[in-house]
Structure formats: C-alpha cells, structure tokens
Amino acid sequence: NEEVPLQTILFFQALVGAATVLLIYKIANRHFGRRTALIAAGLILIEPFTVHYTATVMTETLFTFLAVLAAYFWGSKRFVGAGFVFGLAALARPT
C-alpha cells in the first residue's frame, strides 16, 4: 500500500490552479478584451480563498478548474464537451 507523496498532490494542484487562471484570462479576453482579461486573471491569482485552497489537499481546486473549463467550452459552443466537463465537476465534489 504505497501512498502518493503530499508534494506530488500539491504540485498537481498548483498546475491546475495555474490552468484555471489561464482559462479565466481566455474567457475574459474573448468577451471583454485584453485589459479586462489581465485584471480578471490577476484578481483570481491573488484571491485569498483560491490561493488557500490551491495550497491544501481539498477538492475545491479541481472543481473550480473543471467548472471554468466547462464554461470555456460552453463559450466556444462546444456543448458536448461542456456537458461532459460539468458532469466531471459535479463528480469532483463529494457533497
């Protein structure tokens, strides 16, 4: 019974958190332009709860990433992909 090292989990969560920031930038850029996209990405980058949840082993980071990815797919009119990822997001949350 081998356990996954905590550092590996936290590294994965940091990658997922960074991908979330990038997706928020892309969504905001599509709808509001580059300046607003930079502000949105910067705000999510320093938002205290997001930073806290990314640095702890909880489902919030994965759920947030999946929800934002689904919104990105929806905005790209990839509705099947959006539905699939929304379903994954629902499964990522135990409650």
N, C-alpha and C. Protein backbone atom coordinates (compact mmCIF):
# COMPACT_ATOMS: atom_id res chain seq x y z
N ASN A 1 0.85 -1.18 0.00
CA ASN A 1 0.00 0.00 0.00
C ASN A 1 0.88 1.24 0.00
N GLU A 2 1.13 1.78 -1.17
CA GLU A 2 2.01 2.92 -1.32
C GLU A 2 1.18 4.20 -1.40
N GLU A 3 1.55 5.19 -0.62
CA GLU A 3 0.82 6.45 -0.60
C GLU A 3 1.45 7.44 -1.57
N VAL A 4 0.62 8.29 -2.13
CA VAL A 4 1.11 9.35 -3.02
C VAL A 4 1.71 10.45 -2.14
N PRO A 5 2.91 10.90 -2.46
CA PRO A 5 3.53 11.95 -1.65
C PRO A 5 2.72 13.25 -1.71
N LEU A 6 2.65 13.92 -0.59
CA LEU A 6 1.91 15.18 -0.49
C LEU A 6 2.44 16.21 -1.49
N GLN A 7 3.73 16.25 -1.69
CA GLN A 7 4.32 17.22 -2.62
C GLN A 7 3.81 17.00 -4.04
N THR A 8 3.58 15.77 -4.43
CA THR A 8 3.06 15.48 -5.77
C THR A 8 1.64 16.02 -5.92
N ILE A 9 0.84 15.83 -4.91
CA ILE A 9 -0.54 16.33 -4.94
C ILE A 9 -0.55 17.85 -5.01
N LEU A 10 0.26 18.49 -4.18
CA LEU A 10 0.30 19.95 -4.16
C LEU A 10 0.85 20.50 -5.48
N PHE A 11 1.81 19.81 -6.09
CA PHE A 11 2.32 20.23 -7.39
C PHE A 11 1.22 20.15 -8.44
N PHE A 12 0.48 19.05 -8.45
CA PHE A 12 -0.64 18.89 -9.38
C PHE A 12 -1.67 20.00 -9.16
N GLN A 13 -1.99 20.29 -7.92
CA GLN A 13 -2.97 21.34 -7.63
C GLN A 13 -2.46 22.71 -8.07
N ALA A 14 -1.16 22.96 -7.95
CA ALA A 14 -0.59 24.22 -8.43
C ALA A 14 -0.73 24.33 -9.94
N LEU A 15 -0.50 23.24 -10.65
CA LEU A 15 -0.68 23.24 -12.11
C LEU A 15 -2.13 23.50 -12.49
N VAL A 16 -3.04 22.83 -11.79
CA VAL A 16 -4.47 23.02 -12.06
C VAL A 16 -4.89 24.46 -11.74
N GLY A 17 -4.36 25.02 -10.67
CA GLY A 17 -4.65 26.42 -10.32
C GLY A 17 -4.14 27.37 -11.38
N ALA A 18 -2.94 27.12 -11.89
CA ALA A 18 -2.39 27.97 -12.96
C ALA A 18 -3.22 27.86 -14.23
N ALA A 19 -3.67 26.65 -14.54
CA ALA A 19 -4.51 26.46 -15.72
C ALA A 19 -5.84 27.19 -15.57
N THR A 20 -6.35 27.25 -14.35
CA THR A 20 -7.60 27.97 -14.09
C THR A 20 -7.42 29.46 -14.37
N VAL A 21 -6.30 30.02 -13.93
CA VAL A 21 -6.02 31.43 -14.19
C VAL A 21 -5.94 31.68 -15.69
N LEU A 22 -5.28 30.80 -16.42
CA LEU A 22 -5.17 30.95 -17.87
C LEU A 22 -6.54 30.89 -18.55
N LEU A 23 -7.38 29.96 -18.11
CA LEU A 23 -8.72 29.85 -18.69
C LEU A 23 -9.57 31.09 -18.40
N ILE A 24 -9.44 31.62 -17.19
CA ILE A 24 -10.19 32.84 -16.86
C ILE A 24 -9.72 33.98 -17.74
N TYR A 25 -8.42 34.06 -17.97
CA TYR A 25 -7.90 35.07 -18.90
C TYR A 25 -8.52 34.90 -20.28
N LYS A 26 -8.54 33.67 -20.79
CA LYS A 26 -9.06 33.43 -22.14
C LYS A 26 -10.56 33.76 -22.23
N ILE A 27 -11.32 33.40 -21.21
CA ILE A 27 -12.76 33.71 -21.23
C ILE A 27 -12.98 35.22 -21.20
N ALA A 28 -12.29 35.91 -20.30
CA ALA A 28 -12.47 37.36 -20.19
C ALA A 28 -11.97 38.07 -21.45
N ASN A 29 -10.88 37.59 -22.03
CA ASN A 29 -10.36 38.21 -23.25
C ASN A 29 -11.35 38.07 -24.39
N ARG A 30 -12.00 36.92 -24.49
CA ARG A 30 -12.98 36.68 -25.54
C ARG A 30 -14.15 37.66 -25.45
N HIS A 31 -14.58 37.94 -24.23
CA HIS A 31 -15.80 38.74 -24.06
C HIS A 31 -15.54 40.22 -23.77
N PHE A 32 -14.40 40.55 -23.16
CA PHE A 32 -14.21 41.91 -22.69
C PHE A 32 -12.91 42.57 -23.13
N GLY A 33 -12.01 41.85 -23.75
CA GLY A 33 -10.76 42.44 -24.21
C GLY A 33 -9.58 42.13 -23.28
N ARG A 34 -8.40 42.47 -23.78
CA ARG A 34 -7.16 42.10 -23.10
C ARG A 34 -7.01 42.76 -21.73
N ARG A 35 -7.31 44.04 -21.63
CA ARG A 35 -7.12 44.76 -20.35
C ARG A 35 -7.96 44.14 -19.25
N THR A 36 -9.22 43.91 -19.52
CA THR A 36 -10.11 43.31 -18.53
C THR A 36 -9.69 41.87 -18.23
N ALA A 37 -9.21 41.16 -19.25
CA ALA A 37 -8.75 39.79 -19.03
C ALA A 37 -7.55 39.76 -18.10
N LEU A 38 -6.62 40.68 -18.27
CA LEU A 38 -5.46 40.75 -17.37
C LEU A 38 -5.88 41.06 -15.94
N ILE A 39 -6.85 41.95 -15.79
CA ILE A 39 -7.35 42.29 -14.45
C ILE A 39 -8.02 41.07 -13.82
N ALA A 40 -8.87 40.39 -14.59
CA ALA A 40 -9.57 39.20 -14.07
C ALA A 40 -8.59 38.12 -13.66
N ALA A 41 -7.61 37.84 -14.51
CA ALA A 41 -6.61 36.81 -14.20
C ALA A 41 -5.77 37.23 -13.00
N GLY A 42 -5.41 38.49 -12.93
CA GLY A 42 -4.64 38.99 -11.78
C GLY A 42 -5.40 38.88 -10.48
N LEU A 43 -6.70 39.18 -10.53
CA LEU A 43 -7.52 39.10 -9.31
C LEU A 43 -7.69 37.66 -8.84
N ILE A 44 -7.91 36.74 -9.76
CA ILE A 44 -8.06 35.34 -9.33
C ILE A 44 -6.71 34.79 -8.86
N LEU A 45 -5.63 35.32 -9.40
CA LEU A 45 -4.30 34.89 -9.00
C LEU A 45 -3.99 35.22 -7.54
N ILE A 46 -4.54 36.34 -7.04
CA ILE A 46 -4.26 36.77 -5.66
C ILE A 46 -5.45 36.62 -4.72
N GLU A 47 -6.55 36.08 -5.21
CA GLU A 47 -7.75 35.93 -4.37
C GLU A 47 -7.43 34.98 -3.21
N PRO A 48 -7.62 35.44 -1.96
CA PRO A 48 -7.16 34.66 -0.81
C PRO A 48 -7.71 33.23 -0.71
N PHE A 49 -8.99 33.03 -0.93
CA PHE A 49 -9.55 31.68 -0.80
C PHE A 49 -9.00 30.75 -1.89
N THR A 50 -8.85 31.26 -3.09
CA THR A 50 -8.30 30.45 -4.17
C THR A 50 -6.86 30.04 -3.86
N VAL A 51 -6.08 30.98 -3.37
CA VAL A 51 -4.69 30.67 -3.00
C VAL A 51 -4.67 29.64 -1.88
N HIS A 52 -5.53 29.81 -0.89
CA HIS A 52 -5.59 28.88 0.24
C HIS A 52 -5.98 27.47 -0.21
N TYR A 53 -7.03 27.37 -1.01
CA TYR A 53 -7.50 26.05 -1.43
C TYR A 53 -6.50 25.35 -2.36
N THR A 54 -5.74 26.12 -3.13
CA THR A 54 -4.74 25.52 -4.01
C THR A 54 -3.60 24.92 -3.20
N ALA A 55 -3.33 25.49 -2.04
CA ALA A 55 -2.21 25.02 -1.21
C ALA A 55 -2.64 23.98 -0.18
N THR A 56 -3.89 23.52 -0.23
CA THR A 56 -4.35 22.47 0.68
C THR A 56 -4.93 21.32 -0.15
N VAL A 57 -4.95 20.15 0.44
CA VAL A 57 -5.47 18.98 -0.27
C VAL A 57 -6.98 18.92 -0.06
N MET A 58 -7.69 19.53 -0.99
CA MET A 58 -9.16 19.57 -0.97
C MET A 58 -9.64 19.51 -2.41
N THR A 59 -10.94 19.32 -2.58
CA THR A 59 -11.49 19.18 -3.93
C THR A 59 -11.78 20.52 -4.61
N GLU A 60 -11.69 21.62 -3.90
CA GLU A 60 -12.07 22.92 -4.46
C GLU A 60 -11.26 23.30 -5.69
N THR A 61 -9.97 23.03 -5.66
CA THR A 61 -9.12 23.41 -6.79
C THR A 61 -9.53 22.66 -8.06
N LEU A 62 -9.73 21.36 -7.96
CA LEU A 62 -10.15 20.57 -9.11
C LEU A 62 -11.54 20.97 -9.58
N PHE A 63 -12.46 21.17 -8.65
CA PHE A 63 -13.82 21.56 -9.01
C PHE A 63 -13.82 22.91 -9.73
N THR A 64 -13.09 23.87 -9.20
CA THR A 64 -13.03 25.20 -9.82
C THR A 64 -12.47 25.12 -11.23
N PHE A 65 -11.39 24.36 -11.39
CA PHE A 65 -10.81 24.20 -12.72
C PHE A 65 -11.82 23.59 -13.69
N LEU A 66 -12.48 22.53 -13.27
CA LEU A 66 -13.43 21.86 -14.16
C LEU A 66 -14.62 22.75 -14.50
N ALA A 67 -15.11 23.51 -13.52
CA ALA A 67 -16.23 24.42 -13.78
C ALA A 67 -15.83 25.52 -14.76
N VAL A 68 -14.62 26.06 -14.60
CA VAL A 68 -14.15 27.11 -15.51
C VAL A 68 -13.87 26.53 -16.90
N LEU A 69 -13.31 25.32 -16.95
CA LEU A 69 -13.09 24.66 -18.24
C LEU A 69 -14.41 24.42 -18.96
N ALA A 70 -15.42 23.98 -18.23
CA ALA A 70 -16.74 23.76 -18.83
C ALA A 70 -17.31 25.08 -19.35
N ALA A 71 -17.15 26.16 -18.59
CA ALA A 71 -17.63 27.46 -19.05
C ALA A 71 -16.88 27.90 -20.31
N TYR A 72 -15.58 27.60 -20.36
CA TYR A 72 -14.80 27.92 -21.55
C TYR A 72 -15.33 27.15 -22.76
N PHE A 73 -15.58 25.85 -22.59
CA PHE A 73 -16.15 25.05 -23.68
C PHE A 73 -17.52 25.58 -24.09
N TRP A 74 -18.34 25.94 -23.13
CA TRP A 74 -19.68 26.46 -23.43
C TRP A 74 -19.57 27.73 -24.27
N GLY A 75 -18.67 28.62 -23.86
CA GLY A 75 -18.48 29.87 -24.61
C GLY A 75 -17.92 29.64 -26.01
N SER A 76 -17.25 28.51 -26.20
CA SER A 76 -16.72 28.15 -27.52
C SER A 76 -17.73 27.35 -28.34
N LYS A 77 -18.94 27.23 -27.80
CA LYS A 77 -20.03 26.47 -28.44
C LYS A 77 -19.67 24.99 -28.61
N ARG A 78 -18.88 24.47 -27.71
CA ARG A 78 -18.58 23.03 -27.66
C ARG A 78 -19.44 22.44 -26.54
N PHE A 79 -20.71 22.29 -26.83
CA PHE A 79 -21.69 21.97 -25.80
C PHE A 79 -21.54 20.56 -25.24
N VAL A 80 -21.17 19.61 -26.08
CA VAL A 80 -20.99 18.24 -25.59
C VAL A 80 -19.81 18.19 -24.62
N GLY A 81 -18.71 18.83 -24.99
CA GLY A 81 -17.54 18.90 -24.10
C GLY A 81 -17.87 19.63 -22.81
N ALA A 82 -18.64 20.70 -22.92
CA ALA A 82 -19.04 21.45 -21.73
C ALA A 82 -19.88 20.58 -20.81
N GLY A 83 -20.83 19.86 -21.38
CA GLY A 83 -21.68 18.98 -20.57
C GLY A 83 -20.88 17.89 -19.89
N PHE A 84 -19.92 17.31 -20.62
CA PHE A 84 -19.08 16.27 -20.05
C PHE A 84 -18.25 16.81 -18.89
N VAL A 85 -17.65 17.97 -19.08
CA VAL A 85 -16.80 18.54 -18.03
C VAL A 85 -17.64 19.03 -16.85
N PHE A 86 -18.84 19.58 -17.11
CA PHE A 86 -19.72 19.93 -15.99
C PHE A 86 -20.06 18.68 -15.17
N GLY A 87 -20.28 17.56 -15.85
CA GLY A 87 -20.52 16.31 -15.15
C GLY A 87 -19.34 15.88 -14.31
N LEU A 88 -18.13 16.00 -14.85
CA LEU A 88 -16.93 15.70 -14.07
C LEU A 88 -16.80 16.61 -12.86
N ALA A 89 -17.14 17.89 -13.05
CA ALA A 89 -17.08 18.83 -11.93
C ALA A 89 -18.04 18.43 -10.83
N ALA A 90 -19.23 17.99 -11.21
CA ALA A 90 -20.20 17.53 -10.20
C ALA A 90 -19.68 16.31 -9.45
N LEU A 91 -18.98 15.42 -10.16
CA LEU A 91 -18.43 14.24 -9.52
C LEU A 91 -17.22 14.56 -8.64
N ALA A 92 -16.56 15.67 -8.91
CA ALA A 92 -15.37 16.04 -8.12
C ALA A 92 -15.75 16.53 -6.73
N ARG A 93 -16.98 16.95 -6.56
CA ARG A 93 -17.44 17.45 -5.26
C ARG A 93 -18.22 16.35 -4.53
N PRO A 94 -17.78 15.94 -3.37
CA PRO A 94 -18.44 14.84 -2.66
C PRO A 94 -19.80 15.20 -2.10
N THR A 95 -20.11 16.48 -1.96
CA THR A 95 -21.41 16.87 -1.37
C THR A 95 -22.36 17.33 -2.43
